[in-house]
Amino acid sequence: MRRYLGRKLLIYILTFFIAVTVDWMIPRFMPGNPITILISRAGLRGNAVSQMYTYYLDAFGLDLPVWKQYLNFWVAIFHGDLGTSIYLFPTPVKDVIFSAIPYDIALLVPAILLSWFAGNSFGAFAARNKKLDNTLLPIGYILTATPYMWLGILIAWTFAIVLKIFPLAGGYSFDLQPHLSWRFIWSLIQHWFLPFASLFIVQFGGWAIGMRNLIIYELESDYSHYLEALGAPQKLIRKYAFRNAMLPQLTGLALQLGVIVAGALATEVVFGYPGIGYLILQAIHNEDYFLIQGCFLFVVICVLLANFAIDIAYLIVDPRTRTGMQGGAG
């Protein structure tokens, strides 16, 4: 067990190093200059431009040699410093990300978990019910095959513009300030519902189709036929098939939860929802090196933690993994 976890930990540390290095490199390969964008927003003229350009280069450490910027980046990470946002100067990147994370958690955790439970339950049931399989499941295929951007726009247009039931964009009404009151909470719920519903619908179809196909595959496997030949009850065979089919679905769930802080970029763009995904888009538009780095660093950490959690979960639910681990240790 200790040897297995130690090997996994080493792999994760190496992955973290490579991923963070790539994270640092990507913004610097982008064309353009973030300092120029920052100065252009200030509307400076004459000598003030060159003076402010020099000041900002020094303030952000972008005048240093590249290798020194890279070392400073690692030192800052281990001190919990993600730098200052160029786009939202002078707000620290850490504060910008923390302000967006609650929106992602409130939107994506319910959408992913509810669609996972509902989709897998529906898919498992549809696999042994031909009428349901032939009627409702094709709708899931259509929803899953539909480009999300198109579906999101259609939902936003129908319920926000035509029917005017829900607001079109934002995390809450523009005439409100965040504070603890029923009016503000109700505004949050109204702005949350359409992004949540669109994500739930698409993910529900994906989980249902995946589980339905996996169950059918497991029921056609040799061990299922062997159990059937031995006279095992169908309930027991379906139970084994469901357990085996759950493993890849569990992996998919962990990976979905791992990228939760990245948000659903398309969802947040369509509905103007202020999560991390929308923040990444704004950071790319404004060439904000530090905000891009900070957002992707959160994604990397969360994905690695999710993968580590799924490794532990596999040890618990899959006896083949435990057997393999014992064989490796021996």
C-alpha atoms as a PDB file:
ATOM      1  CA  MET A   1       0.000   0.000   0.000  1.00  0.00           C
ATOM      2  CA  ARG A   2       2.717   2.451   1.006  1.00  0.00           C
ATOM      3  CA  ARG A   3       4.781   1.545  -2.064  1.00  0.00           C
ATOM      4  CA  TYR A   4       1.758   1.995  -4.335  1.00  0.00           C
ATOM      5  CA  LEU A   5       0.875   5.410  -2.875  1.00  0.00           C
ATOM      6  CA  GLY A   6       4.524   6.500  -2.965  1.00  0.00           C
ATOM      7  CA  ARG A   7       4.765   5.624  -6.666  1.00  0.00           C
ATOM      8  CA  LYS A   8       1.528   7.483  -7.378  1.00  0.00           C
ATOM      9  CA  LEU A   9       2.700  10.503  -5.405  1.00  0.00           C
ATOM     10  CA  LEU A  10       5.936  10.637  -7.402  1.00  0.00           C
ATOM     11  CA  ILE A  11       3.969  10.539 -10.669  1.00  0.00           C
ATOM     12  CA  TYR A  12       1.699  13.346  -9.462  1.00  0.00           C
ATOM     13  CA  ILE A  13       4.647  15.525  -8.406  1.00  0.00           C
ATOM     14  CA  LEU A  14       6.268  15.066 -11.832  1.00  0.00           C
ATOM     15  CA  THR A  15       2.957  15.802 -13.558  1.00  0.00           C
ATOM     16  CA  PHE A  16       2.494  18.917 -11.423  1.00  0.00           C
ATOM     17  CA  PHE A  17       5.964  20.190 -12.349  1.00  0.00           C
ATOM     18  CA  ILE A  18       5.394  19.682 -16.089  1.00  0.00           C
ATOM     19  CA  ALA A  19       1.848  21.084 -16.033  1.00  0.00           C
ATOM     20  CA  VAL A  20       2.845  24.201 -14.102  1.00  0.00           C
ATOM     21  CA  THR A  21       5.813  24.778 -16.414  1.00  0.00           C
ATOM     22  CA  VAL A  22       3.519  24.583 -19.450  1.00  0.00           C
ATOM     23  CA  ASP A  23       1.070  26.856 -17.608  1.00  0.00           C
ATOM     24  CA  TRP A  24       3.849  29.442 -17.209  1.00  0.00           C
ATOM     25  CA  MET A  25       4.961  29.138 -20.841  1.00  0.00           C
ATOM     26  CA  ILE A  26       1.559  29.384 -22.570  1.00  0.00           C
ATOM     27  CA  PRO A  27       0.827  33.088 -21.833  1.00  0.00           C
ATOM     28  CA  ARG A  28       4.334  34.037 -22.932  1.00  0.00           C
ATOM     29  CA  PHE A  29       3.800  32.429 -26.332  1.00  0.00           C
ATOM     30  CA  MET A  30       0.759  34.600 -26.883  1.00  0.00           C
ATOM     31  CA  PRO A  31       1.210  37.505 -29.308  1.00  0.00           C
ATOM     32  CA  GLY A  32       0.869  41.048 -27.958  1.00  0.00           C
ATOM     33  CA  ASN A  33       1.959  42.824 -24.800  1.00  0.00           C
ATOM     34  CA  PRO A  34      -0.181  42.987 -21.629  1.00  0.00           C
ATOM     35  CA  ILE A  35       1.527  46.176 -20.404  1.00  0.00           C
ATOM     36  CA  THR A  36       0.572  47.958 -23.620  1.00  0.00           C
ATOM     37  CA  ILE A  37      -3.059  46.959 -23.086  1.00  0.00           C
ATOM     38  CA  LEU A  38      -2.945  48.179 -19.483  1.00  0.00           C
ATOM     39  CA  ILE A  39      -1.495  51.560 -20.498  1.00  0.00           C
ATOM     40  CA  SER A  40      -3.923  51.954 -23.399  1.00  0.00           C
ATOM     41  CA  ARG A  41      -6.844  51.574 -20.976  1.00  0.00           C
ATOM     42  CA  ALA A  42      -5.411  54.413 -18.868  1.00  0.00           C
ATOM     43  CA  GLY A  43      -5.458  56.736 -21.906  1.00  0.00           C
ATOM     44  CA  LEU A  44      -1.961  58.152 -21.237  1.00  0.00           C
ATOM     45  CA  ARG A  45      -0.141  60.373 -23.710  1.00  0.00           C
ATOM     46  CA  GLY A  46       3.430  61.676 -24.315  1.00  0.00           C
ATOM     47  CA  ASN A  47       6.266  60.904 -21.912  1.00  0.00           C
ATOM     48  CA  ALA A  48       3.881  59.449 -19.380  1.00  0.00           C
ATOM     49  CA  VAL A  49       3.483  56.392 -21.625  1.00  0.00           C
ATOM     50  CA  SER A  50       7.162  55.419 -21.567  1.00  0.00           C
ATOM     51  CA  GLN A  51       7.462  56.168 -17.834  1.00  0.00           C
ATOM     52  CA  MET A  52       4.417  54.088 -16.964  1.00  0.00           C
ATOM     53  CA  TYR A  53       5.546  51.308 -19.332  1.00  0.00           C
ATOM     54  CA  THR A  54       8.893  51.098 -17.519  1.00  0.00           C
ATOM     55  CA  TYR A  55       7.166  51.241 -14.135  1.00  0.00           C
ATOM     56  CA  TYR A  56       4.740  48.401 -14.938  1.00  0.00           C
ATOM     57  CA  LEU A  57       7.460  46.240 -16.492  1.00  0.00           C
ATOM     58  CA  ASP A  58       9.425  46.541 -13.270  1.00  0.00           C
ATOM     59  CA  ALA A  59       6.349  46.111 -11.041  1.00  0.00           C
ATOM     60  CA  PHE A  60       5.305  42.863 -12.774  1.00  0.00           C
ATOM     61  CA  GLY A  61       8.887  41.613 -13.118  1.00  0.00           C
ATOM     62  CA  LEU A  62       8.566  41.333 -16.887  1.00  0.00           C
ATOM     63  CA  ASP A  63      11.838  43.216 -17.448  1.00  0.00           C
ATOM     64  CA  LEU A  64      13.824  40.333 -15.946  1.00  0.00           C
ATOM     65  CA  PRO A  65      15.466  37.565 -18.012  1.00  0.00           C
ATOM     66  CA  VAL A  66      13.045  34.759 -18.851  1.00  0.00           C
ATOM     67  CA  TRP A  67      14.864  32.169 -16.740  1.00  0.00           C
ATOM     68  CA  LYS A  68      14.661  34.480 -13.708  1.00  0.00           C
ATOM     69  CA  GLN A  69      10.944  35.086 -14.285  1.00  0.00           C
ATOM     70  CA  TYR A  70      10.475  31.319 -14.320  1.00  0.00           C
ATOM     71  CA  LEU A  71      12.361  30.832 -11.030  1.00  0.00           C
ATOM     72  CA  ASN A  72      10.491  33.726  -9.415  1.00  0.00           C
ATOM     73  CA  PHE A  73       7.235  32.087 -10.528  1.00  0.00           C
ATOM     74  CA  TRP A  74       8.056  28.874  -8.639  1.00  0.00           C
ATOM     75  CA  VAL A  75       9.229  30.779  -5.559  1.00  0.00           C
ATOM     76  CA  ALA A  76       5.991  32.797  -5.567  1.00  0.00           C
ATOM     77  CA  ILE A  77       3.873  29.632  -5.867  1.00  0.00           C
ATOM     78  CA  PHE A  78       5.452  28.100  -2.777  1.00  0.00           C
ATOM     79  CA  HIS A  79       4.732  31.357  -0.922  1.00  0.00           C
ATOM     80  CA  GLY A  80       1.077  31.263  -2.045  1.00  0.00           C
ATOM     81  CA  ASP A  81       1.554  34.370  -4.188  1.00  0.00           C
ATOM     82  CA  LEU A  82      -0.049  34.251  -7.654  1.00  0.00           C
ATOM     83  CA  GLY A  83       0.857  37.829  -8.503  1.00  0.00           C
ATOM     84  CA  THR A  84      -1.285  40.836  -9.374  1.00  0.00           C
ATOM     85  CA  SER A  85      -3.890  40.798 -12.094  1.00  0.00           C
ATOM     86  CA  ILE A  86      -3.035  43.045 -15.047  1.00  0.00           C
ATOM     87  CA  TYR A  87      -6.644  43.052 -16.244  1.00  0.00           C
ATOM     88  CA  LEU A  88      -8.038  44.015 -12.811  1.00  0.00           C
ATOM     89  CA  PHE A  89      -4.959  45.898 -11.596  1.00  0.00           C
ATOM     90  CA  PRO A  90      -4.112  46.207  -8.701  1.00  0.00           C
ATOM     91  CA  THR A  91      -6.269  43.314  -7.381  1.00  0.00           C
ATOM     92  CA  PRO A  92      -4.238  40.199  -6.452  1.00  0.00           C
ATOM     93  CA  VAL A  93      -4.906  37.183  -8.676  1.00  0.00           C
ATOM     94  CA  LYS A  94      -5.701  35.112  -5.600  1.00  0.00           C
ATOM     95  CA  ASP A  95      -8.557  37.438  -4.651  1.00  0.00           C
ATOM     96  CA  VAL A  96      -9.927  37.491  -8.205  1.00  0.00           C
ATOM     97  CA  ILE A  97      -9.997  33.680  -8.348  1.00  0.00           C
ATOM     98  CA  PHE A  98     -11.514  33.306  -4.883  1.00  0.00           C
ATOM     99  CA  SER A  99     -14.318  35.678  -5.842  1.00  0.00           C
ATOM    100  CA  ALA A 100     -15.210  33.500  -8.861  1.00  0.00           C
ATOM    101  CA  ILE A 101     -14.917  30.040  -7.262  1.00  0.00           C
ATOM    102  CA  PRO A 102     -18.215  30.184  -5.276  1.00  0.00           C
ATOM    103  CA  TYR A 103     -20.143  30.724  -8.526  1.00  0.00           C
ATOM    104  CA  ASP A 104     -18.515  27.666 -10.095  1.00  0.00           C
ATOM    105  CA  ILE A 105     -19.123  25.494  -7.055  1.00  0.00           C
ATOM    106  CA  ALA A 106     -22.768  26.578  -6.818  1.00  0.00           C
ATOM    107  CA  LEU A 107     -23.296  25.936 -10.527  1.00  0.00           C
ATOM    108  CA  LEU A 108     -21.192  22.890 -11.355  1.00  0.00           C
ATOM    109  CA  VAL A 109     -21.376  20.704  -8.235  1.00  0.00           C
ATOM    110  CA  PRO A 110     -25.193  20.314  -8.358  1.00  0.00           C
ATOM    111  CA  ALA A 111     -25.201  20.035 -12.170  1.00  0.00           C
ATOM    112  CA  ILE A 112     -22.497  17.340 -12.254  1.00  0.00           C
ATOM    113  CA  LEU A 113     -23.677  15.303  -9.254  1.00  0.00           C
ATOM    114  CA  LEU A 114     -27.401  15.390 -10.048  1.00  0.00           C
ATOM    115  CA  SER A 115     -26.861  14.600 -13.724  1.00  0.00           C
ATOM    116  CA  TRP A 116     -24.482  11.777 -12.749  1.00  0.00           C
ATOM    117  CA  PHE A 117     -26.943  10.149 -10.335  1.00  0.00           C
ATOM    118  CA  ALA A 118     -29.987  10.687 -12.546  1.00  0.00           C
ATOM    119  CA  GLY A 119     -28.221   9.785 -15.802  1.00  0.00           C
ATOM    120  CA  ASN A 120     -26.678   6.559 -14.487  1.00  0.00           C
ATOM    121  CA  SER A 121     -29.934   5.467 -12.865  1.00  0.00           C
ATOM    122  CA  PHE A 122     -31.875   6.176 -16.027  1.00  0.00           C
ATOM    123  CA  GLY A 123     -29.253   4.492 -18.253  1.00  0.00           C
ATOM    124  CA  ALA A 124     -29.156   1.347 -16.076  1.00  0.00           C
ATOM    125  CA  PHE A 125     -32.949   1.153 -16.156  1.00  0.00           C
ATOM    126  CA  ALA A 126     -33.139   1.789 -19.912  1.00  0.00           C
ATOM    127  CA  ALA A 127     -30.637  -1.030 -20.584  1.00  0.00           C
ATOM    128  CA  ARG A 128     -33.233  -3.597 -19.444  1.00  0.00           C
ATOM    129  CA  ASN A 129     -36.363  -1.830 -20.659  1.00  0.00           C
ATOM    130  CA  LYS A 130     -36.693  -1.937 -24.450  1.00  0.00           C
ATOM    131  CA  LYS A 131     -39.658   0.446 -24.571  1.00  0.00           C
ATOM    132  CA  LEU A 132     -37.750   3.110 -22.662  1.00  0.00           C
ATOM    133  CA  ASP A 133     -34.611   2.354 -24.647  1.00  0.00           C
ATOM    134  CA  ASN A 134     -36.444   2.878 -27.935  1.00  0.00           C
ATOM    135  CA  THR A 135     -38.361   6.021 -26.953  1.00  0.00           C
ATOM    136  CA  LEU A 136     -36.663   8.303 -24.456  1.00  0.00           C
ATOM    137  CA  LEU A 137     -33.003   7.390 -24.928  1.00  0.00           C
ATOM    138  CA  PRO A 138     -32.861   8.691 -28.539  1.00  0.00           C
ATOM    139  CA  ILE A 139     -33.662  12.104 -27.041  1.00  0.00           C
ATOM    140  CA  GLY A 140     -30.498  11.737 -24.974  1.00  0.00           C
ATOM    141  CA  TYR A 141     -28.512  11.012 -28.158  1.00  0.00           C
ATOM    142  CA  ILE A 142     -29.900  14.145 -29.778  1.00  0.00           C
ATOM    143  CA  LEU A 143     -29.126  16.320 -26.745  1.00  0.00           C
ATOM    144  CA  THR A 144     -25.606  14.927 -26.395  1.00  0.00           C
ATOM    145  CA  ALA A 145     -24.873  15.369 -30.102  1.00  0.00           C
ATOM    146  CA  THR A 146     -26.169  18.945 -30.096  1.00  0.00           C
ATOM    147  CA  PRO A 147     -23.371  21.551 -29.894  1.00  0.00           C
ATOM    148  CA  TYR A 148     -23.605  22.986 -26.389  1.00  0.00           C
ATOM    149  CA  MET A 149     -23.117  26.583 -27.521  1.00  0.00           C
ATOM    150  CA  TRP A 150     -26.144  26.250 -29.830  1.00  0.00           C
ATOM    151  CA  LEU A 151     -28.261  24.581 -27.144  1.00  0.00           C
ATOM    152  CA  GLY A 152     -27.295  27.198 -24.533  1.00  0.00           C
ATOM    153  CA  ILE A 153     -28.152  30.061 -26.866  1.00  0.00           C
ATOM    154  CA  LEU A 154     -31.488  28.412 -27.708  1.00  0.00           C
ATOM    155  CA  ILE A 155     -32.356  28.003 -24.007  1.00  0.00           C
ATOM    156  CA  ALA A 156     -31.290  31.573 -23.219  1.00  0.00           C
ATOM    157  CA  TRP A 157     -33.292  32.953 -26.151  1.00  0.00           C
ATOM    158  CA  THR A 158     -36.427  30.936 -25.277  1.00  0.00           C
ATOM    159  CA  PHE A 159     -36.602  31.474 -21.518  1.00  0.00           C
ATOM    160  CA  ALA A 160     -34.890  34.851 -21.141  1.00  0.00           C
ATOM    161  CA  ILE A 161     -35.830  36.792 -24.268  1.00  0.00           C
ATOM    162  CA  VAL A 162     -39.081  35.258 -25.573  1.00  0.00           C
ATOM    163  CA  LEU A 163     -40.776  34.053 -22.381  1.00  0.00           C
ATOM    164  CA  LYS A 164     -38.897  36.490 -20.074  1.00  0.00           C
ATOM    165  CA  ILE A 165     -39.066  33.996 -17.187  1.00  0.00           C
ATOM    166  CA  PHE A 166     -35.373  34.157 -16.253  1.00  0.00           C
ATOM    167  CA  PRO A 167     -32.699  36.876 -16.550  1.00  0.00           C
ATOM    168  CA  LEU A 168     -30.315  36.621 -19.479  1.00  0.00           C
ATOM    169  CA  ALA A 169     -26.855  37.240 -17.997  1.00  0.00           C
ATOM    170  CA  GLY A 170     -24.809  37.838 -14.859  1.00  0.00           C
ATOM    171  CA  GLY A 171     -24.586  36.226 -11.438  1.00  0.00           C
ATOM    172  CA  TYR A 172     -27.222  38.537  -9.891  1.00  0.00           C
ATOM    173  CA  SER A 173     -29.231  41.597 -10.790  1.00  0.00           C
ATOM    174  CA  PHE A 174     -27.127  44.588 -11.800  1.00  0.00           C
ATOM    175  CA  ASP A 175     -29.071  46.911  -9.454  1.00  0.00           C
ATOM    176  CA  LEU A 176     -28.088  44.854  -6.379  1.00  0.00           C
ATOM    177  CA  GLN A 177     -24.980  44.709  -4.251  1.00  0.00           C
ATOM    178  CA  PRO A 178     -23.932  41.375  -2.682  1.00  0.00           C
ATOM    179  CA  HIS A 179     -25.492  41.174   0.754  1.00  0.00           C
ATOM    180  CA  LEU A 180     -27.435  38.658   2.816  1.00  0.00           C
ATOM    181  CA  SER A 181     -31.080  39.237   1.981  1.00  0.00           C
ATOM    182  CA  TRP A 182     -33.900  37.205   0.409  1.00  0.00           C
ATOM    183  CA  ARG A 183     -34.026  39.582  -2.552  1.00  0.00           C
ATOM    184  CA  PHE A 184     -30.348  39.028  -3.323  1.00  0.00           C
ATOM    185  CA  ILE A 185     -30.582  35.232  -2.787  1.00  0.00           C
ATOM    186  CA  TRP A 186     -33.624  35.046  -5.064  1.00  0.00           C
ATOM    187  CA  SER A 187     -31.728  37.026  -7.699  1.00  0.00           C
ATOM    188  CA  LEU A 188     -28.811  34.568  -7.427  1.00  0.00           C
ATOM    189  CA  ILE A 189     -31.185  31.618  -7.920  1.00  0.00           C
ATOM    190  CA  GLN A 190     -32.872  33.226 -10.932  1.00  0.00           C
ATOM    191  CA  HIS A 191     -29.517  33.888 -12.643  1.00  0.00           C
ATOM    192  CA  TRP A 192     -28.252  30.408 -11.695  1.00  0.00           C
ATOM    193  CA  PHE A 193     -31.158  28.359 -13.018  1.00  0.00           C
ATOM    194  CA  LEU A 194     -30.679  28.544 -16.803  1.00  0.00           C
ATOM    195  CA  PRO A 195     -26.924  27.737 -16.762  1.00  0.00           C
ATOM    196  CA  PHE A 196     -27.657  24.870 -14.345  1.00  0.00           C
ATOM    197  CA  ALA A 197     -30.533  23.493 -16.433  1.00  0.00           C
ATOM    198  CA  SER A 198     -28.547  23.607 -19.679  1.00  0.00           C
ATOM    199  CA  LEU A 199     -25.590  21.784 -18.098  1.00  0.00           C
ATOM    200  CA  PHE A 200     -27.852  19.217 -16.428  1.00  0.00           C
ATOM    201  CA  ILE A 201     -29.699  18.388 -19.658  1.00  0.00           C
ATOM    202  CA  VAL A 202     -26.542  17.844 -21.704  1.00  0.00           C
ATOM    203  CA  GLN A 203     -24.669  15.885 -19.023  1.00  0.00           C
ATOM    204  CA  PHE A 204     -27.719  13.787 -18.135  1.00  0.00           C
ATOM    205  CA  GLY A 205     -27.885  12.486 -21.715  1.00  0.00           C
ATOM    206  CA  GLY A 206     -24.165  11.683 -21.743  1.00  0.00           C
ATOM    207  CA  TRP A 207     -24.223   9.766 -18.447  1.00  0.00           C
ATOM    208  CA  ALA A 208     -27.415   7.873 -19.393  1.00  0.00           C
ATOM    209  CA  ILE A 209     -26.075   6.757 -22.780  1.00  0.00           C
ATOM    210  CA  GLY A 210     -22.721   5.788 -21.268  1.00  0.00           C
ATOM    211  CA  MET A 211     -24.273   3.696 -18.502  1.00  0.00           C
ATOM    212  CA  ARG A 212     -26.774   2.068 -20.870  1.00  0.00           C
ATOM    213  CA  ASN A 213     -23.991   0.974 -23.254  1.00  0.00           C
ATOM    214  CA  LEU A 214     -21.743  -0.225 -20.425  1.00  0.00           C
ATOM    215  CA  ILE A 215     -24.512  -2.294 -18.830  1.00  0.00           C
ATOM    216  CA  ILE A 216     -25.341  -3.959 -22.153  1.00  0.00           C
ATOM    217  CA  TYR A 217     -21.632  -4.681 -22.715  1.00  0.00           C
ATOM    218  CA  GLU A 218     -21.293  -6.214 -19.249  1.00  0.00           C
ATOM    219  CA  LEU A 219     -24.454  -8.319 -19.666  1.00  0.00           C
ATOM    220  CA  GLU A 220     -22.994  -9.725 -22.896  1.00  0.00           C
ATOM    221  CA  SER A 221     -19.636 -10.504 -21.281  1.00  0.00           C
ATOM    222  CA  ASP A 222     -18.407 -14.054 -20.735  1.00  0.00           C
ATOM    223  CA  TYR A 223     -18.776 -13.907 -16.966  1.00  0.00           C
ATOM    224  CA  SER A 224     -22.448 -12.915 -17.312  1.00  0.00           C
ATOM    225  CA  HIS A 225     -23.146 -15.832 -19.635  1.00  0.00           C
ATOM    226  CA  TYR A 226     -21.202 -18.129 -17.302  1.00  0.00           C
ATOM    227  CA  LEU A 227     -23.270 -17.005 -14.323  1.00  0.00           C
ATOM    228  CA  GLU A 228     -26.418 -17.454 -16.382  1.00  0.00           C
ATOM    229  CA  ALA A 229     -25.359 -20.990 -17.322  1.00  0.00           C
ATOM    230  CA  LEU A 230     -24.788 -21.770 -13.652  1.00  0.00           C
ATOM    231  CA  GLY A 231     -28.369 -20.747 -12.977  1.00  0.00           C
ATOM    232  CA  ALA A 232     -27.578 -17.516 -11.134  1.00  0.00           C
ATOM    233  CA  PRO A 233     -30.599 -15.224 -10.757  1.00  0.00           C
ATOM    234  CA  GLN A 234     -30.849 -12.295 -13.186  1.00  0.00           C
ATOM    235  CA  LYS A 235     -30.838  -9.884 -10.242  1.00  0.00           C
ATOM    236  CA  LEU A 236     -27.386 -11.100  -9.191  1.00  0.00           C
ATOM    237  CA  ILE A 237     -26.046 -10.884 -12.792  1.00  0.00           C
ATOM    238  CA  ARG A 238     -27.375  -7.338 -13.189  1.00  0.00           C
ATOM    239  CA  LYS A 239     -25.827  -6.413  -9.847  1.00  0.00           C
ATOM    240  CA  TYR A 240     -22.357  -7.538 -11.017  1.00  0.00           C
ATOM    241  CA  ALA A 241     -22.868  -5.827 -14.376  1.00  0.00           C
ATOM    242  CA  PHE A 242     -23.884  -2.576 -12.648  1.00  0.00           C
ATOM    243  CA  ARG A 243     -20.863  -2.644 -10.323  1.00  0.00           C
ATOM    244  CA  ASN A 244     -18.432  -3.177 -13.193  1.00  0.00           C
ATOM    245  CA  ALA A 245     -20.140  -0.523 -15.316  1.00  0.00           C
ATOM    246  CA  MET A 246     -19.880   1.997 -12.469  1.00  0.00           C
ATOM    247  CA  LEU A 247     -16.067   2.039 -12.507  1.00  0.00           C
ATOM    248  CA  PRO A 248     -15.571   4.056 -15.722  1.00  0.00           C
ATOM    249  CA  GLN A 249     -18.499   6.267 -14.722  1.00  0.00           C
ATOM    250  CA  LEU A 250     -16.794   6.907 -11.387  1.00  0.00           C
ATOM    251  CA  THR A 251     -13.625   7.913 -13.207  1.00  0.00           C
ATOM    252  CA  GLY A 252     -15.617  10.277 -15.393  1.00  0.00           C
ATOM    253  CA  LEU A 253     -17.247  11.825 -12.339  1.00  0.00           C
ATOM    254  CA  ALA A 254     -13.892  12.424 -10.654  1.00  0.00           C
ATOM    255  CA  LEU A 255     -12.499  14.065 -13.779  1.00  0.00           C
ATOM    256  CA  GLN A 256     -15.598  16.247 -14.068  1.00  0.00           C
ATOM    257  CA  LEU A 257     -15.241  17.367 -10.463  1.00  0.00           C
ATOM    258  CA  GLY A 258     -11.550  17.941 -11.010  1.00  0.00           C
ATOM    259  CA  VAL A 259     -12.092  20.585 -13.647  1.00  0.00           C
ATOM    260  CA  ILE A 260     -14.829  22.255 -11.653  1.00  0.00           C
ATOM    261  CA  VAL A 261     -12.866  25.439 -11.007  1.00  0.00           C
ATOM    262  CA  ALA A 262     -12.304  25.840 -14.709  1.00  0.00           C
ATOM    263  CA  GLY A 263     -16.028  26.119 -14.972  1.00  0.00           C
ATOM    264  CA  ALA A 264     -17.975  25.285 -18.042  1.00  0.00           C
ATOM    265  CA  LEU A 265     -16.458  27.913 -20.282  1.00  0.00           C
ATOM    266  CA  ALA A 266     -19.187  27.736 -22.921  1.00  0.00           C
ATOM    267  CA  THR A 267     -21.925  27.953 -20.275  1.00  0.00           C
ATOM    268  CA  GLU A 268     -20.398  30.950 -18.579  1.00  0.00           C
ATOM    269  CA  VAL A 269     -19.806  32.725 -21.885  1.00  0.00           C
ATOM    270  CA  VAL A 270     -23.369  32.144 -23.141  1.00  0.00           C
ATOM    271  CA  PHE A 271     -25.016  33.220 -19.875  1.00  0.00           C
ATOM    272  CA  GLY A 272     -22.367  35.740 -18.802  1.00  0.00           C
ATOM    273  CA  TYR A 273     -22.014  33.782 -15.566  1.00  0.00           C
ATOM    274  CA  PRO A 274     -19.082  35.104 -13.480  1.00  0.00           C
ATOM    275  CA  GLY A 275     -17.190  31.864 -12.800  1.00  0.00           C
ATOM    276  CA  ILE A 276     -13.597  30.790 -13.442  1.00  0.00           C
ATOM    277  CA  GLY A 277     -14.331  29.823 -17.054  1.00  0.00           C
ATOM    278  CA  TYR A 278     -15.584  33.327 -17.844  1.00  0.00           C
ATOM    279  CA  LEU A 279     -12.587  34.727 -15.948  1.00  0.00           C
ATOM    280  CA  ILE A 280     -10.157  32.713 -18.109  1.00  0.00           C
ATOM    281  CA  LEU A 281     -11.778  34.139 -21.229  1.00  0.00           C
ATOM    282  CA  GLN A 282     -11.416  37.704 -19.909  1.00  0.00           C
ATOM    283  CA  ALA A 283      -7.801  37.015 -18.925  1.00  0.00           C
ATOM    284  CA  ILE A 284      -6.975  35.729 -22.427  1.00  0.00           C
ATOM    285  CA  HIS A 285      -8.658  38.718 -24.077  1.00  0.00           C
ATOM    286  CA  ASN A 286      -6.599  41.085 -21.910  1.00  0.00           C
ATOM    287  CA  GLU A 287      -3.406  38.984 -22.108  1.00  0.00           C
ATOM    288  CA  ASP A 288      -3.288  38.898 -18.328  1.00  0.00           C
ATOM    289  CA  TYR A 289      -0.316  36.541 -17.805  1.00  0.00           C
ATOM    290  CA  PHE A 290      -0.770  36.218 -14.076  1.00  0.00           C
ATOM    291  CA  LEU A 291      -4.513  35.659 -14.093  1.00  0.00           C
ATOM    292  CA  ILE A 292      -4.183  32.983 -16.807  1.00  0.00           C
ATOM    293  CA  GLN A 293      -1.418  31.293 -14.818  1.00  0.00           C
ATOM    294  CA  GLY A 294      -3.419  31.463 -11.591  1.00  0.00           C
ATOM    295  CA  CYS A 295      -6.613  30.057 -13.132  1.00  0.00           C
ATOM    296  CA  PHE A 296      -4.858  27.168 -14.841  1.00  0.00           C
ATOM    297  CA  LEU A 297      -2.811  26.451 -11.723  1.00  0.00           C
ATOM    298  CA  PHE A 298      -6.080  25.927  -9.841  1.00  0.00           C
ATOM    299  CA  VAL A 299      -7.272  23.631 -12.608  1.00  0.00           C
ATOM    300  CA  VAL A 300      -4.056  21.606 -12.487  1.00  0.00           C
ATOM    301  CA  ILE A 301      -4.196  21.211  -8.711  1.00  0.00           C
ATOM    302  CA  CYS A 302      -7.863  20.216  -8.733  1.00  0.00           C
ATOM    303  CA  VAL A 303      -7.423  17.689 -11.551  1.00  0.00           C
ATOM    304  CA  LEU A 304      -4.466  16.076  -9.773  1.00  0.00           C
ATOM    305  CA  LEU A 305      -6.368  15.920  -6.472  1.00  0.00           C
ATOM    306  CA  ALA A 306      -9.376  14.409  -8.266  1.00  0.00           C
ATOM    307  CA  ASN A 307      -7.177  11.788  -9.923  1.00  0.00           C
ATOM    308  CA  PHE A 308      -5.567  10.926  -6.598  1.00  0.00           C
ATOM    309  CA  ALA A 309      -9.023  10.601  -5.031  1.00  0.00           C
ATOM    310  CA  ILE A 310     -10.158   8.266  -7.822  1.00  0.00           C
ATOM    311  CA  ASP A 311      -7.043   6.118  -7.319  1.00  0.00           C
ATOM    312  CA  ILE A 312      -8.037   5.699  -3.678  1.00  0.00           C
ATOM    313  CA  ALA A 313     -11.661   5.039  -4.651  1.00  0.00           C
ATOM    314  CA  TYR A 314     -10.569   2.337  -7.102  1.00  0.00           C
ATOM    315  CA  LEU A 315      -8.632   0.631  -4.324  1.00  0.00           C
ATOM    316  CA  ILE A 316     -11.822   0.524  -2.286  1.00  0.00           C
ATOM    317  CA  VAL A 317     -14.400  -0.504  -4.887  1.00  0.00           C
ATOM    318  CA  ASP A 318     -12.364  -2.606  -7.360  1.00  0.00           C
ATOM    319  CA  PRO A 319     -10.872  -5.849  -5.985  1.00  0.00           C
ATOM    320  CA  ARG A 320      -8.766  -6.261  -9.161  1.00  0.00           C
ATOM    321  CA  THR A 321      -6.834  -3.100  -8.274  1.00  0.00           C
ATOM    322  CA  ARG A 322      -6.150  -4.390  -4.758  1.00  0.00           C
ATOM    323  CA  THR A 323      -5.003  -7.733  -6.167  1.00  0.00           C
ATOM    324  CA  GLY A 324      -2.695  -6.025  -8.655  1.00  0.00           C
ATOM    325  CA  MET A 325      -1.281  -3.807  -5.931  1.00  0.00           C
ATOM    326  CA  GLN A 326      -0.522  -6.790  -3.701  1.00  0.00           C
ATOM    327  CA  GLY A 327       1.113  -8.592  -6.619  1.00  0.00           C
ATOM    328  CA  GLY A 328       3.250  -5.540  -7.365  1.00  0.00           C
ATOM    329  CA  ALA A 329       4.264  -5.227  -3.734  1.00  0.00           C
ATOM    330  CA  GLY A 330       5.222  -8.850  -3.625  1.00  0.00           C
END
